[in-house]
Amino acid sequence: MKPLEFLLILIGVLLNAGAQLALKAGVRTIGHFEFSLSNALPIGWQLGTNPYILTGLSCYVISVVVWILALSRVEVSVAYPMLSIGYVVNALLAWQLFGEALSSQRVAGIGIIMVGVFLIARS
């Protein structure tokens, strides 16, 4: 894999991970809500005007554009498994930013993912 190809994949993955974190930050400011017809408008308004939610959605849009650029250069069977880098990034940043649990079992899983990504990148 050429450095530019890997860079495009990495940028796409990081934007996707950033989107997840921004969406999580957004719903943390809104809090738990139920899906019902009666609160669809007020919750929809809160979601649609929340800067974290808007940031997350923007990251998704940009990540799709970058991802398309990556797929035009790399086989999907190589690129798609690289999305798992986002699992690692999200787990670490969710632990750091939101205080989510990062147990030894999760760390072991992250290690396995990293080994798999390394093997695919070298193929």
PDB file of N, CA and C in Angstrom:
ATOM      1  N   MET A   1       0.849  -1.176   0.000  1.00  0.00           N
ATOM      2  CA  MET A   1       0.000   0.000   0.000  1.00  0.00           C
ATOM      3  C   MET A   1       0.896   1.242   0.000  1.00  0.00           C
ATOM      4  N   LYS A   2       0.577   2.169  -0.877  1.00  0.00           N
ATOM      5  CA  LYS A   2       1.356   3.394  -0.979  1.00  0.00           C
ATOM      6  C   LYS A   2       1.009   4.326   0.184  1.00  0.00           C
ATOM      7  N   PRO A   3       1.944   5.209   0.548  1.00  0.00           N
ATOM      8  CA  PRO A   3       1.681   6.116   1.680  1.00  0.00           C
ATOM      9  C   PRO A   3       0.435   6.983   1.482  1.00  0.00           C
ATOM     10  N   LEU A   4       0.203   7.486   0.267  1.00  0.00           N
ATOM     11  CA  LEU A   4      -0.983   8.314   0.021  1.00  0.00           C
ATOM     12  C   LEU A   4      -2.264   7.508   0.235  1.00  0.00           C
ATOM     13  N   GLU A   5      -2.246   6.274  -0.223  1.00  0.00           N
ATOM     14  CA  GLU A   5      -3.432   5.423  -0.050  1.00  0.00           C
ATOM     15  C   GLU A   5      -3.715   5.196   1.432  1.00  0.00           C
ATOM     16  N   PHE A   6      -2.658   4.886   2.178  1.00  0.00           N
ATOM     17  CA  PHE A   6      -2.845   4.672   3.610  1.00  0.00           C
ATOM     18  C   PHE A   6      -3.289   5.960   4.295  1.00  0.00           C
ATOM     19  N   LEU A   7      -2.743   7.099   3.859  1.00  0.00           N
ATOM     20  CA  LEU A   7      -3.125   8.379   4.452  1.00  0.00           C
ATOM     21  C   LEU A   7      -4.600   8.676   4.215  1.00  0.00           C
ATOM     22  N   LEU A   8      -5.068   8.422   3.003  1.00  0.00           N
ATOM     23  CA  LEU A   8      -6.495   8.647   2.718  1.00  0.00           C
ATOM     24  C   LEU A   8      -7.371   7.760   3.588  1.00  0.00           C
ATOM     25  N   ILE A   9      -6.988   6.507   3.712  1.00  0.00           N
ATOM     26  CA  ILE A   9      -7.764   5.593   4.556  1.00  0.00           C
ATOM     27  C   ILE A   9      -7.741   6.078   6.000  1.00  0.00           C
ATOM     28  N   LEU A  10      -6.577   6.457   6.474  1.00  0.00           N
ATOM     29  CA  LEU A  10      -6.453   6.898   7.862  1.00  0.00           C
ATOM     30  C   LEU A  10      -7.271   8.157   8.128  1.00  0.00           C
ATOM     31  N   ILE A  11      -7.225   9.112   7.200  1.00  0.00           N
ATOM     32  CA  ILE A  11      -8.011  10.337   7.371  1.00  0.00           C
ATOM     33  C   ILE A  11      -9.501  10.002   7.400  1.00  0.00           C
ATOM     34  N   GLY A  12      -9.933   9.135   6.484  1.00  0.00           N
ATOM     35  CA  GLY A  12     -11.342   8.730   6.466  1.00  0.00           C
ATOM     36  C   GLY A  12     -11.758   8.056   7.759  1.00  0.00           C
ATOM     37  N   VAL A  13     -10.903   7.190   8.257  1.00  0.00           N
ATOM     38  CA  VAL A  13     -11.204   6.475   9.503  1.00  0.00           C
ATOM     39  C   VAL A  13     -11.242   7.442  10.685  1.00  0.00           C
ATOM     40  N   LEU A  14     -10.279   8.356  10.733  1.00  0.00           N
ATOM     41  CA  LEU A  14     -10.238   9.303  11.854  1.00  0.00           C
ATOM     42  C   LEU A  14     -11.417  10.267  11.811  1.00  0.00           C
ATOM     43  N   LEU A  15     -11.820  10.673  10.619  1.00  0.00           N
ATOM     44  CA  LEU A  15     -13.013  11.520  10.517  1.00  0.00           C
ATOM     45  C   LEU A  15     -14.251  10.765  10.989  1.00  0.00           C
ATOM     46  N   ASN A  16     -14.326   9.495  10.626  1.00  0.00           N
ATOM     47  CA  ASN A  16     -15.452   8.675  11.057  1.00  0.00           C
ATOM     48  C   ASN A  16     -15.441   8.507  12.568  1.00  0.00           C
ATOM     49  N   ALA A  17     -14.267   8.273  13.135  1.00  0.00           N
ATOM     50  CA  ALA A  17     -14.167   8.146  14.590  1.00  0.00           C
ATOM     51  C   ALA A  17     -14.510   9.467  15.268  1.00  0.00           C
ATOM     52  N   GLY A  18     -14.036  10.568  14.689  1.00  0.00           N
ATOM     53  CA  GLY A  18     -14.373  11.882  15.237  1.00  0.00           C
ATOM     54  C   GLY A  18     -15.871  12.140  15.194  1.00  0.00           C
ATOM     55  N   ALA A  19     -16.506  11.661  14.133  1.00  0.00           N
ATOM     56  CA  ALA A  19     -17.954  11.815  14.029  1.00  0.00           C
ATOM     57  C   ALA A  19     -18.658  11.083  15.172  1.00  0.00           C
ATOM     58  N   GLN A  20     -18.214   9.876  15.455  1.00  0.00           N
ATOM     59  CA  GLN A  20     -18.823   9.105  16.549  1.00  0.00           C
ATOM     60  C   GLN A  20     -18.676   9.831  17.878  1.00  0.00           C
ATOM     61  N   LEU A  21     -17.480  10.346  18.118  1.00  0.00           N
ATOM     62  CA  LEU A  21     -17.230  11.032  19.385  1.00  0.00           C
ATOM     63  C   LEU A  21     -18.040  12.324  19.487  1.00  0.00           C
ATOM     64  N   ALA A  22     -18.140  13.047  18.383  1.00  0.00           N
ATOM     65  CA  ALA A  22     -18.931  14.285  18.404  1.00  0.00           C
ATOM     66  C   ALA A  22     -20.410  13.978  18.627  1.00  0.00           C
ATOM     67  N   LEU A  23     -20.908  12.923  17.980  1.00  0.00           N
ATOM     68  CA  LEU A  23     -22.311  12.554  18.190  1.00  0.00           C
ATOM     69  C   LEU A  23     -22.551  12.153  19.645  1.00  0.00           C
ATOM     70  N   LYS A  24     -21.598  11.428  20.212  1.00  0.00           N
ATOM     71  CA  LYS A  24     -21.733  11.034  21.621  1.00  0.00           C
ATOM     72  C   LYS A  24     -21.733  12.262  22.526  1.00  0.00           C
ATOM     73  N   ALA A  25     -20.839  13.207  22.238  1.00  0.00           N
ATOM     74  CA  ALA A  25     -20.807  14.443  23.028  1.00  0.00           C
ATOM     75  C   ALA A  25     -22.128  15.192  22.886  1.00  0.00           C
ATOM     76  N   GLY A  26     -22.686  15.178  21.697  1.00  0.00           N
ATOM     77  CA  GLY A  26     -23.965  15.855  21.474  1.00  0.00           C
ATOM     78  C   GLY A  26     -25.108  15.242  22.256  1.00  0.00           C
ATOM     79  N   VAL A  27     -25.216  13.931  22.211  1.00  0.00           N
ATOM     80  CA  VAL A  27     -26.326  13.295  22.940  1.00  0.00           C
ATOM     81  C   VAL A  27     -26.097  13.363  24.451  1.00  0.00           C
ATOM     82  N   ARG A  28     -24.852  13.482  24.868  1.00  0.00           N
ATOM     83  CA  ARG A  28     -24.610  13.683  26.309  1.00  0.00           C
ATOM     84  C   ARG A  28     -25.157  15.024  26.775  1.00  0.00           C
ATOM     85  N   THR A  29     -25.112  16.036  25.922  1.00  0.00           N
ATOM     86  CA  THR A  29     -25.656  17.330  26.309  1.00  0.00           C
ATOM     87  C   THR A  29     -27.181  17.321  26.291  1.00  0.00           C
ATOM     88  N   ILE A  30     -27.758  16.488  25.447  1.00  0.00           N
ATOM     89  CA  ILE A  30     -29.222  16.410  25.359  1.00  0.00           C
ATOM     90  C   ILE A  30     -29.773  15.467  26.419  1.00  0.00           C
ATOM     91  N   GLY A  31     -29.070  14.378  26.653  1.00  0.00           N
ATOM     92  CA  GLY A  31     -29.537  13.404  27.636  1.00  0.00           C
ATOM     93  C   GLY A  31     -30.368  12.312  27.007  1.00  0.00           C
ATOM     94  N   HIS A  32     -30.801  11.389  27.840  1.00  0.00           N
ATOM     95  CA  HIS A  32     -31.598  10.253  27.367  1.00  0.00           C
ATOM     96  C   HIS A  32     -32.960  10.751  26.902  1.00  0.00           C
ATOM     97  N   PHE A  33     -33.415  10.236  25.793  1.00  0.00           N
ATOM     98  CA  PHE A  33     -34.754  10.600  25.311  1.00  0.00           C
ATOM     99  C   PHE A  33     -35.406   9.389  24.670  1.00  0.00           C
ATOM    100  N   GLU A  34     -36.703   9.408  24.669  1.00  0.00           N
ATOM    101  CA  GLU A  34     -37.488   8.328  24.066  1.00  0.00           C
ATOM    102  C   GLU A  34     -37.949   8.756  22.683  1.00  0.00           C
ATOM    103  N   PHE A  35     -37.990   7.783  21.788  1.00  0.00           N
ATOM    104  CA  PHE A  35     -38.553   8.049  20.472  1.00  0.00           C
ATOM    105  C   PHE A  35     -40.061   7.943  20.568  1.00  0.00           C
ATOM    106  N   SER A  36     -40.733   9.029  20.396  1.00  0.00           N
ATOM    107  CA  SER A  36     -42.181   9.007  20.338  1.00  0.00           C
ATOM    108  C   SER A  36     -42.617  10.173  19.460  1.00  0.00           C
ATOM    109  N   LEU A  37     -43.807  10.075  18.975  1.00  0.00           N
ATOM    110  CA  LEU A  37     -44.313  11.116  18.085  1.00  0.00           C
ATOM    111  C   LEU A  37     -44.437  12.441  18.820  1.00  0.00           C
ATOM    112  N   SER A  38     -44.775  12.380  20.109  1.00  0.00           N
ATOM    113  CA  SER A  38     -44.989  13.618  20.857  1.00  0.00           C
ATOM    114  C   SER A  38     -43.696  14.411  21.079  1.00  0.00           C
ATOM    115  N   ASN A  39     -42.570  13.742  21.164  1.00  0.00           N
ATOM    116  CA  ASN A  39     -41.333  14.504  21.377  1.00  0.00           C
ATOM    117  C   ASN A  39     -40.439  14.528  20.132  1.00  0.00           C
ATOM    118  N   ALA A  40     -40.969  14.110  18.996  1.00  0.00           N
ATOM    119  CA  ALA A  40     -40.162  14.089  17.763  1.00  0.00           C
ATOM    120  C   ALA A  40     -39.695  15.492  17.390  1.00  0.00           C
ATOM    121  N   LEU A  41     -40.566  16.462  17.466  1.00  0.00           N
ATOM    122  CA  LEU A  41     -40.183  17.821  17.073  1.00  0.00           C
ATOM    123  C   LEU A  41     -39.205  18.460  18.066  1.00  0.00           C
ATOM    124  N   PRO A  42     -39.487  18.440  19.374  1.00  0.00           N
ATOM    125  CA  PRO A  42     -38.518  19.076  20.281  1.00  0.00           C
ATOM    126  C   PRO A  42     -37.164  18.371  20.300  1.00  0.00           C
ATOM    127  N   ILE A  43     -37.150  17.044  20.260  1.00  0.00           N
ATOM    128  CA  ILE A  43     -35.875  16.323  20.239  1.00  0.00           C
ATOM    129  C   ILE A  43     -35.191  16.526  18.888  1.00  0.00           C
ATOM    130  N   GLY A  44     -35.959  16.495  17.829  1.00  0.00           N
ATOM    131  CA  GLY A  44     -35.391  16.739  16.506  1.00  0.00           C
ATOM    132  C   GLY A  44     -34.752  18.125  16.425  1.00  0.00           C
ATOM    133  N   TRP A  45     -35.399  19.106  17.041  1.00  0.00           N
ATOM    134  CA  TRP A  45     -34.843  20.456  17.054  1.00  0.00           C
ATOM    135  C   TRP A  45     -33.539  20.496  17.858  1.00  0.00           C
ATOM    136  N   GLN A  46     -33.555  19.857  19.020  1.00  0.00           N
ATOM    137  CA  GLN A  46     -32.332  19.821  19.836  1.00  0.00           C
ATOM    138  C   GLN A  46     -31.191  19.133  19.098  1.00  0.00           C
ATOM    139  N   LEU A  47     -31.503  18.026  18.439  1.00  0.00           N
ATOM    140  CA  LEU A  47     -30.468  17.314  17.692  1.00  0.00           C
ATOM    141  C   LEU A  47     -29.978  18.143  16.501  1.00  0.00           C
ATOM    142  N   GLY A  48     -30.916  18.758  15.801  1.00  0.00           N
ATOM    143  CA  GLY A  48     -30.579  19.506  14.592  1.00  0.00           C
ATOM    144  C   GLY A  48     -29.858  20.812  14.848  1.00  0.00           C
ATOM    145  N   THR A  49     -29.917  21.306  16.069  1.00  0.00           N
ATOM    146  CA  THR A  49     -29.252  22.568  16.385  1.00  0.00           C
ATOM    147  C   THR A  49     -28.068  22.393  17.332  1.00  0.00           C
ATOM    148  N   ASN A  50     -27.805  21.170  17.718  1.00  0.00           N
ATOM    149  CA  ASN A  50     -26.696  20.911  18.638  1.00  0.00           C
ATOM    150  C   ASN A  50     -25.372  20.975  17.873  1.00  0.00           C
ATOM    151  N   PRO A  51     -24.432  21.811  18.307  1.00  0.00           N
ATOM    152  CA  PRO A  51     -23.175  21.940  17.556  1.00  0.00           C
ATOM    153  C   PRO A  51     -22.364  20.652  17.486  1.00  0.00           C
ATOM    154  N   TYR A  52     -22.408  19.832  18.530  1.00  0.00           N
ATOM    155  CA  TYR A  52     -21.687  18.555  18.478  1.00  0.00           C
ATOM    156  C   TYR A  52     -22.309  17.617  17.439  1.00  0.00           C
ATOM    157  N   ILE A  53     -23.614  17.568  17.423  1.00  0.00           N
ATOM    158  CA  ILE A  53     -24.297  16.717  16.438  1.00  0.00           C
ATOM    159  C   ILE A  53     -23.981  17.203  15.028  1.00  0.00           C
ATOM    160  N   LEU A  54     -24.033  18.502  14.822  1.00  0.00           N
ATOM    161  CA  LEU A  54     -23.733  19.052  13.492  1.00  0.00           C
ATOM    162  C   LEU A  54     -22.284  18.789  13.100  1.00  0.00           C
ATOM    163  N   THR A  55     -21.386  18.892  14.074  1.00  0.00           N
ATOM    164  CA  THR A  55     -19.982  18.571  13.804  1.00  0.00           C
ATOM    165  C   THR A  55     -19.820  17.105  13.419  1.00  0.00           C
ATOM    166  N   GLY A  56     -20.479  16.234  14.158  1.00  0.00           N
ATOM    167  CA  GLY A  56     -20.406  14.806  13.857  1.00  0.00           C
ATOM    168  C   GLY A  56     -20.933  14.485  12.469  1.00  0.00           C
ATOM    169  N   LEU A  57     -22.071  15.069  12.126  1.00  0.00           N
ATOM    170  CA  LEU A  57     -22.632  14.815  10.796  1.00  0.00           C
ATOM    171  C   LEU A  57     -21.721  15.375   9.695  1.00  0.00           C
ATOM    172  N   SER A  58     -21.118  16.524   9.960  1.00  0.00           N
ATOM    173  CA  SER A  58     -20.185  17.098   8.974  1.00  0.00           C
ATOM    174  C   SER A  58     -18.967  16.198   8.781  1.00  0.00           C
ATOM    175  N   CYS A  59     -18.467  15.659   9.889  1.00  0.00           N
ATOM    176  CA  CYS A  59     -17.342  14.726   9.785  1.00  0.00           C
ATOM    177  C   CYS A  59     -17.708  13.504   8.954  1.00  0.00           C
ATOM    178  N   TYR A  60     -18.937  13.018   9.131  1.00  0.00           N
ATOM    179  CA  TYR A  60     -19.377  11.876   8.324  1.00  0.00           C
ATOM    180  C   TYR A  60     -19.363  12.207   6.841  1.00  0.00           C
ATOM    181  N   VAL A  61     -19.893  13.360   6.496  1.00  0.00           N
ATOM    182  CA  VAL A  61     -19.956  13.749   5.081  1.00  0.00           C
ATOM    183  C   VAL A  61     -18.545  13.828   4.489  1.00  0.00           C
ATOM    184  N   ILE A  62     -17.659  14.496   5.215  1.00  0.00           N
ATOM    185  CA  ILE A  62     -16.281  14.632   4.717  1.00  0.00           C
ATOM    186  C   ILE A  62     -15.598  13.265   4.656  1.00  0.00           C
ATOM    187  N   SER A  63     -15.865  12.416   5.651  1.00  0.00           N
ATOM    188  CA  SER A  63     -15.233  11.094   5.655  1.00  0.00           C
ATOM    189  C   SER A  63     -15.683  10.260   4.455  1.00  0.00           C
ATOM    190  N   VAL A  64     -16.918  10.418   4.049  1.00  0.00           N
ATOM    191  CA  VAL A  64     -17.397   9.672   2.871  1.00  0.00           C
ATOM    192  C   VAL A  64     -16.647  10.123   1.620  1.00  0.00           C
ATOM    193  N   VAL A  65     -16.443  11.420   1.484  1.00  0.00           N
ATOM    194  CA  VAL A  65     -15.704  11.933   0.322  1.00  0.00           C
ATOM    195  C   VAL A  65     -14.279  11.377   0.322  1.00  0.00           C
ATOM    196  N   VAL A  66     -13.628  11.430   1.480  1.00  0.00           N
ATOM    197  CA  VAL A  66     -12.256  10.918   1.582  1.00  0.00           C
ATOM    198  C   VAL A  66     -12.239   9.413   1.331  1.00  0.00           C
ATOM    199  N   TRP A  67     -13.240   8.726   1.849  1.00  0.00           N
ATOM    200  CA  TRP A  67     -13.311   7.281   1.673  1.00  0.00           C
ATOM    201  C   TRP A  67     -13.463   6.906   0.206  1.00  0.00           C
ATOM    202  N   ILE A  68     -14.273   7.667  -0.525  1.00  0.00           N
ATOM    203  CA  ILE A  68     -14.437   7.412  -1.960  1.00  0.00           C
ATOM    204  C   ILE A  68     -13.098   7.604  -2.676  1.00  0.00           C
ATOM    205  N   LEU A  69     -12.364   8.638  -2.287  1.00  0.00           N
ATOM    206  CA  LEU A  69     -11.025   8.838  -2.866  1.00  0.00           C
ATOM    207  C   LEU A  69     -10.129   7.635  -2.574  1.00  0.00           C
ATOM    208  N   ALA A  70     -10.212   7.135  -1.357  1.00  0.00           N
ATOM    209  CA  ALA A  70      -9.393   5.973  -0.988  1.00  0.00           C
ATOM    210  C   ALA A  70      -9.799   4.742  -1.793  1.00  0.00           C
ATOM    211  N   LEU A  71     -11.094   4.517  -1.916  1.00  0.00           N
ATOM    212  CA  LEU A  71     -11.561   3.334  -2.645  1.00  0.00           C
ATOM    213  C   LEU A  71     -11.218   3.393  -4.129  1.00  0.00           C
ATOM    214  N   SER A  72     -11.014   4.605  -4.645  1.00  0.00           N
ATOM    215  CA  SER A  72     -10.626   4.697  -6.058  1.00  0.00           C
ATOM    216  C   SER A  72      -9.177   4.251  -6.268  1.00  0.00           C
ATOM    217  N   ARG A  73      -8.440   4.074  -5.165  1.00  0.00           N
ATOM    218  CA  ARG A  73      -7.025   3.709  -5.263  1.00  0.00           C
ATOM    219  C   ARG A  73      -6.693   2.354  -4.643  1.00  0.00           C
ATOM    220  N   VAL A  74      -7.555   1.868  -3.748  1.00  0.00           N
ATOM    221  CA  VAL A  74      -7.242   0.664  -2.973  1.00  0.00           C
ATOM    222  C   VAL A  74      -8.394  -0.328  -3.118  1.00  0.00           C
ATOM    223  N   GLU A  75      -8.055  -1.595  -3.115  1.00  0.00           N
ATOM    224  CA  GLU A  75      -9.097  -2.630  -3.155  1.00  0.00           C
ATOM    225  C   GLU A  75      -9.936  -2.542  -1.891  1.00  0.00           C
ATOM    226  N   VAL A  76     -11.230  -2.741  -2.046  1.00  0.00           N
ATOM    227  CA  VAL A  76     -12.123  -2.653  -0.897  1.00  0.00           C
ATOM    228  C   VAL A  76     -11.811  -3.730   0.141  1.00  0.00           C
ATOM    229  N   SER A  77     -11.307  -4.875  -0.316  1.00  0.00           N
ATOM    230  CA  SER A  77     -10.963  -5.947   0.619  1.00  0.00           C
ATOM    231  C   SER A  77      -9.765  -5.574   1.496  1.00  0.00           C
ATOM    232  N   VAL A  78      -9.020  -4.583   1.080  1.00  0.00           N
ATOM    233  CA  VAL A  78      -7.915  -4.070   1.896  1.00  0.00           C
ATOM    234  C   VAL A  78      -8.379  -2.862   2.713  1.00  0.00           C
ATOM    235  N   ALA A  79      -9.130  -1.974   2.070  1.00  0.00           N
ATOM    236  CA  ALA A  79      -9.531  -0.731   2.740  1.00  0.00           C
ATOM    237  C   ALA A  79     -10.534  -0.965   3.861  1.00  0.00           C
ATOM    238  N   TYR A  80     -11.511  -1.804   3.597  1.00  0.00           N
ATOM    239  CA  TYR A  80     -12.603  -1.943   4.573  1.00  0.00           C
ATOM    240  C   TYR A  80     -12.141  -2.438   5.941  1.00  0.00           C
ATOM    241  N   PRO A  81     -11.273  -3.435   6.007  1.00  0.00           N
ATOM    242  CA  PRO A  81     -10.812  -3.848   7.347  1.00  0.00           C
ATOM    243  C   PRO A  81     -10.086  -2.737   8.104  1.00  0.00           C
ATOM    244  N   MET A  82      -9.558  -1.769   7.382  1.00  0.00           N
ATOM    245  CA  MET A  82      -8.865  -0.655   8.042  1.00  0.00           C
ATOM    246  C   MET A  82      -9.828   0.203   8.867  1.00  0.00           C
ATOM    247  N   LEU A  83     -11.112   0.094   8.572  1.00  0.00           N
ATOM    248  CA  LEU A  83     -12.088   0.823   9.385  1.00  0.00           C
ATOM    249  C   LEU A  83     -11.989   0.437  10.852  1.00  0.00           C
ATOM    250  N   SER A  84     -11.457  -0.738  11.109  1.00  0.00           N
ATOM    251  CA  SER A  84     -11.355  -1.190  12.496  1.00  0.00           C
ATOM    252  C   SER A  84     -10.375  -0.351  13.309  1.00  0.00           C
ATOM    253  N   ILE A  85      -9.532   0.428  12.640  1.00  0.00           N
ATOM    254  CA  ILE A  85      -8.679   1.373  13.374  1.00  0.00           C
ATOM    255  C   ILE A  85      -9.569   2.334  14.172  1.00  0.00           C
ATOM    256  N   GLY A  86     -10.718   2.632  13.605  1.00  0.00           N
ATOM    257  CA  GLY A  86     -11.662   3.519  14.291  1.00  0.00           C
ATOM    258  C   GLY A  86     -12.135   2.944  15.613  1.00  0.00           C
ATOM    259  N   TYR A  87     -12.246   1.617  15.715  1.00  0.00           N
ATOM    260  CA  TYR A  87     -12.642   0.993  16.986  1.00  0.00           C
ATOM    261  C   TYR A  87     -11.615   1.308  18.064  1.00  0.00           C
ATOM    262  N   VAL A  88     -10.365   1.236  17.661  1.00  0.00           N
ATOM    263  CA  VAL A  88      -9.281   1.490  18.615  1.00  0.00           C
ATOM    264  C   VAL A  88      -9.305   2.955  19.050  1.00  0.00           C
ATOM    265  N   VAL A  89      -9.381   3.840  18.062  1.00  0.00           N
ATOM    266  CA  VAL A  89      -9.382   5.280  18.358  1.00  0.00           C
ATOM    267  C   VAL A  89     -10.567   5.635  19.242  1.00  0.00           C
ATOM    268  N   ASN A  90     -11.734   5.121  18.886  1.00  0.00           N
ATOM    269  CA  ASN A  90     -12.932   5.440  19.660  1.00  0.00           C
ATOM    270  C   ASN A  90     -12.860   4.906  21.080  1.00  0.00           C
ATOM    271  N   ALA A  91     -12.360   3.701  21.245  1.00  0.00           N
ATOM    272  CA  ALA A  91     -12.266   3.139  22.593  1.00  0.00           C
ATOM    273  C   ALA A  91     -11.340   3.968  23.467  1.00  0.00           C
ATOM    274  N   LEU A  92     -10.199   4.339  22.916  1.00  0.00           N
ATOM    275  CA  LEU A  92      -9.237   5.119  23.699  1.00  0.00           C
ATOM    276  C   LEU A  92      -9.759   6.527  24.001  1.00  0.00           C
ATOM    277  N   LEU A  93     -10.318   7.178  23.002  1.00  0.00           N
ATOM    278  CA  LEU A  93     -10.798   8.545  23.227  1.00  0.00           C
ATOM    279  C   LEU A  93     -12.076   8.568  24.074  1.00  0.00           C
ATOM    280  N   ALA A  94     -12.921   7.565  23.939  1.00  0.00           N
ATOM    281  CA  ALA A  94     -14.119   7.501  24.799  1.00  0.00           C
ATOM    282  C   ALA A  94     -13.704   7.310  26.255  1.00  0.00           C
ATOM    283  N   TRP A  95     -12.668   6.542  26.471  1.00  0.00           N
ATOM    284  CA  TRP A  95     -12.132   6.375  27.824  1.00  0.00           C
ATOM    285  C   TRP A  95     -11.580   7.705  28.344  1.00  0.00           C
ATOM    286  N   GLN A  96     -10.824   8.379  27.473  1.00  0.00           N
ATOM    287  CA  GLN A  96     -10.194   9.641  27.879  1.00  0.00           C
ATOM    288  C   GLN A  96     -11.204  10.769  28.040  1.00  0.00           C
ATOM    289  N   LEU A  97     -12.123  10.906  27.086  1.00  0.00           N
ATOM    290  CA  LEU A  97     -13.033  12.060  27.074  1.00  0.00           C
ATOM    291  C   LEU A  97     -14.289  11.856  27.912  1.00  0.00           C
ATOM    292  N   PHE A  98     -14.811  10.626  27.884  1.00  0.00           N
ATOM    293  CA  PHE A  98     -16.105  10.393  28.530  1.00  0.00           C
ATOM    294  C   PHE A  98     -16.017   9.504  29.762  1.00  0.00           C
ATOM    295  N   GLY A  99     -14.802   9.035  30.051  1.00  0.00           N
ATOM    296  CA  GLY A  99     -14.645   8.180  31.223  1.00  0.00           C
ATOM    297  C   GLY A  99     -15.260   6.802  31.062  1.00  0.00           C
ATOM    298  N   GLU A 100     -15.404   6.346  29.813  1.00  0.00           N
ATOM    299  CA  GLU A 100     -15.976   5.018  29.582  1.00  0.00           C
ATOM    300  C   GLU A 100     -14.973   3.939  29.997  1.00  0.00           C
ATOM    301  N   ALA A 101     -15.485   2.790  30.365  1.00  0.00           N
ATOM    302  CA  ALA A 101     -14.642   1.705  30.856  1.00  0.00           C
ATOM    303  C   ALA A 101     -13.708   1.200  29.756  1.00  0.00           C
ATOM    304  N   LEU A 102     -12.490   0.898  30.143  1.00  0.00           N
ATOM    305  CA  LEU A 102     -11.509   0.299  29.227  1.00  0.00           C
ATOM    306  C   LEU A 102     -10.871  -0.865  29.982  1.00  0.00           C
ATOM    307  N   SER A 103     -11.591  -1.963  30.018  1.00  0.00           N
ATOM    308  CA  SER A 103     -11.158  -3.130  30.787  1.00  0.00           C
ATOM    309  C   SER A 103     -10.009  -3.848  30.091  1.00  0.00           C
ATOM    310  N   SER A 104      -9.388  -4.774  30.817  1.00  0.00           N
ATOM    311  CA  SER A 104      -8.296  -5.550  30.226  1.00  0.00           C
ATOM    312  C   SER A 104      -8.789  -6.371  29.036  1.00  0.00           C
ATOM    313  N   GLN A 105     -10.020  -6.835  29.107  1.00  0.00           N
ATOM    314  CA  GLN A 105     -10.593  -7.595  27.988  1.00  0.00           C
ATOM    315  C   GLN A 105     -10.720  -6.696  26.752  1.00  0.00           C
ATOM    316  N   ARG A 106     -11.143  -5.464  26.946  1.00  0.00           N
ATOM    317  CA  ARG A 106     -11.247  -4.539  25.811  1.00  0.00           C
ATOM    318  C   ARG A 106      -9.867  -4.198  25.257  1.00  0.00           C
ATOM    319  N   VAL A 107      -8.905  -4.007  26.133  1.00  0.00           N
ATOM    320  CA  VAL A 107      -7.545  -3.711  25.681  1.00  0.00           C
ATOM    321  C   VAL A 107      -6.996  -4.884  24.869  1.00  0.00           C
ATOM    322  N   ALA A 108      -7.273  -6.109  25.323  1.00  0.00           N
ATOM    323  CA  ALA A 108      -6.832  -7.294  24.569  1.00  0.00           C
ATOM    324  C   ALA A 108      -7.484  -7.310  23.182  1.00  0.00           C
ATOM    325  N   GLY A 109      -8.754  -6.998  23.120  1.00  0.00           N
ATOM    326  CA  GLY A 109      -9.450  -6.949  21.830  1.00  0.00           C
ATOM    327  C   GLY A 109      -8.858  -5.893  20.914  1.00  0.00           C
ATOM    328  N   ILE A 110      -8.531  -4.736  21.491  1.00  0.00           N
ATOM    329  CA  ILE A 110      -7.901  -3.669  20.709  1.00  0.00           C
ATOM    330  C   ILE A 110      -6.551  -4.136  20.170  1.00  0.00           C
ATOM    331  N   GLY A 111      -5.799  -4.850  20.988  1.00  0.00           N
ATOM    332  CA  GLY A 111      -4.512  -5.379  20.533  1.00  0.00           C
ATOM    333  C   GLY A 111      -4.681  -6.338  19.372  1.00  0.00           C
ATOM    334  N   ILE A 112      -5.671  -7.188  19.441  1.00  0.00           N
ATOM    335  CA  ILE A 112      -5.928  -8.138  18.355  1.00  0.00           C
ATOM    336  C   ILE A 112      -6.300  -7.387  17.078  1.00  0.00           C
ATOM    337  N   ILE A 113      -7.117  -6.362  17.220  1.00  0.00           N
ATOM    338  CA  ILE A 113      -7.504  -5.557  16.054  1.00  0.00           C
ATOM    339  C   ILE A 113      -6.272  -4.915  15.425  1.00  0.00           C
ATOM    340  N   MET A 114      -5.395  -4.370  16.265  1.00  0.00           N
ATOM    341  CA  MET A 114      -4.203  -3.707  15.739  1.00  0.00           C
ATOM    342  C   MET A 114      -3.298  -4.687  14.987  1.00  0.00           C
ATOM    343  N   VAL A 115      -3.174  -5.887  15.497  1.00  0.00           N
ATOM    344  CA  VAL A 115      -2.368  -6.902  14.801  1.00  0.00           C
ATOM    345  C   VAL A 115      -2.994  -7.220  13.442  1.00  0.00           C
ATOM    346  N   GLY A 116      -4.303  -7.371  13.410  1.00  0.00           N
ATOM    347  CA  GLY A 116      -4.985  -7.660  12.153  1.00  0.00           C
ATOM    348  C   GLY A 116      -4.824  -6.544  11.140  1.00  0.00           C
ATOM    349  N   VAL A 117      -4.959  -5.302  11.576  1.00  0.00           N
ATOM    350  CA  VAL A 117      -4.786  -4.164  10.674  1.00  0.00           C
ATOM    351  C   VAL A 117      -3.354  -4.119  10.152  1.00  0.00           C
ATOM    352  N   PHE A 118      -2.393  -4.391  11.019  1.00  0.00           N
ATOM    353  CA  PHE A 118      -0.996  -4.400  10.599  1.00  0.00           C
ATOM    354  C   PHE A 118      -0.762  -5.455   9.518  1.00  0.00           C
ATOM    355  N   LEU A 119      -1.313  -6.635   9.725  1.00  0.00           N
ATOM    356  CA  LEU A 119      -1.132  -7.707   8.742  1.00  0.00           C
ATOM    357  C   LEU A 119      -1.770  -7.358   7.405  1.00  0.00           C
ATOM    358  N   ILE A 120      -2.946  -6.764   7.447  1.00  0.00           N
ATOM    359  CA  ILE A 120      -3.622  -6.396   6.201  1.00  0.00           C
ATOM    360  C   ILE A 120      -2.854  -5.289   5.488  1.00  0.00           C
ATOM    361  N   ALA A 121      -2.365  -4.307   6.252  1.00  0.00           N
ATOM    362  CA  ALA A 121      -1.623  -3.203   5.638  1.00  0.00           C
ATOM    363  C   ALA A 121      -0.356  -3.691   4.955  1.00  0.00           C
ATOM    364  N   ARG A 122       0.239  -4.751   5.465  1.00  0.00           N
ATOM    365  CA  ARG A 122       1.475  -5.272   4.881  1.00  0.00           C
ATOM    366  C   ARG A 122       1.224  -6.203   3.706  1.00  0.00           C
ATOM    367  N   SER A 123      -0.014  -6.586   3.492  1.00  0.00           N
ATOM    368  CA  SER A 123      -0.293  -7.549   2.410  1.00  0.00           C
ATOM    369  C   SER A 123      -0.293  -6.881   1.046  1.00  0.00           C
TER     370      SER A 123
END
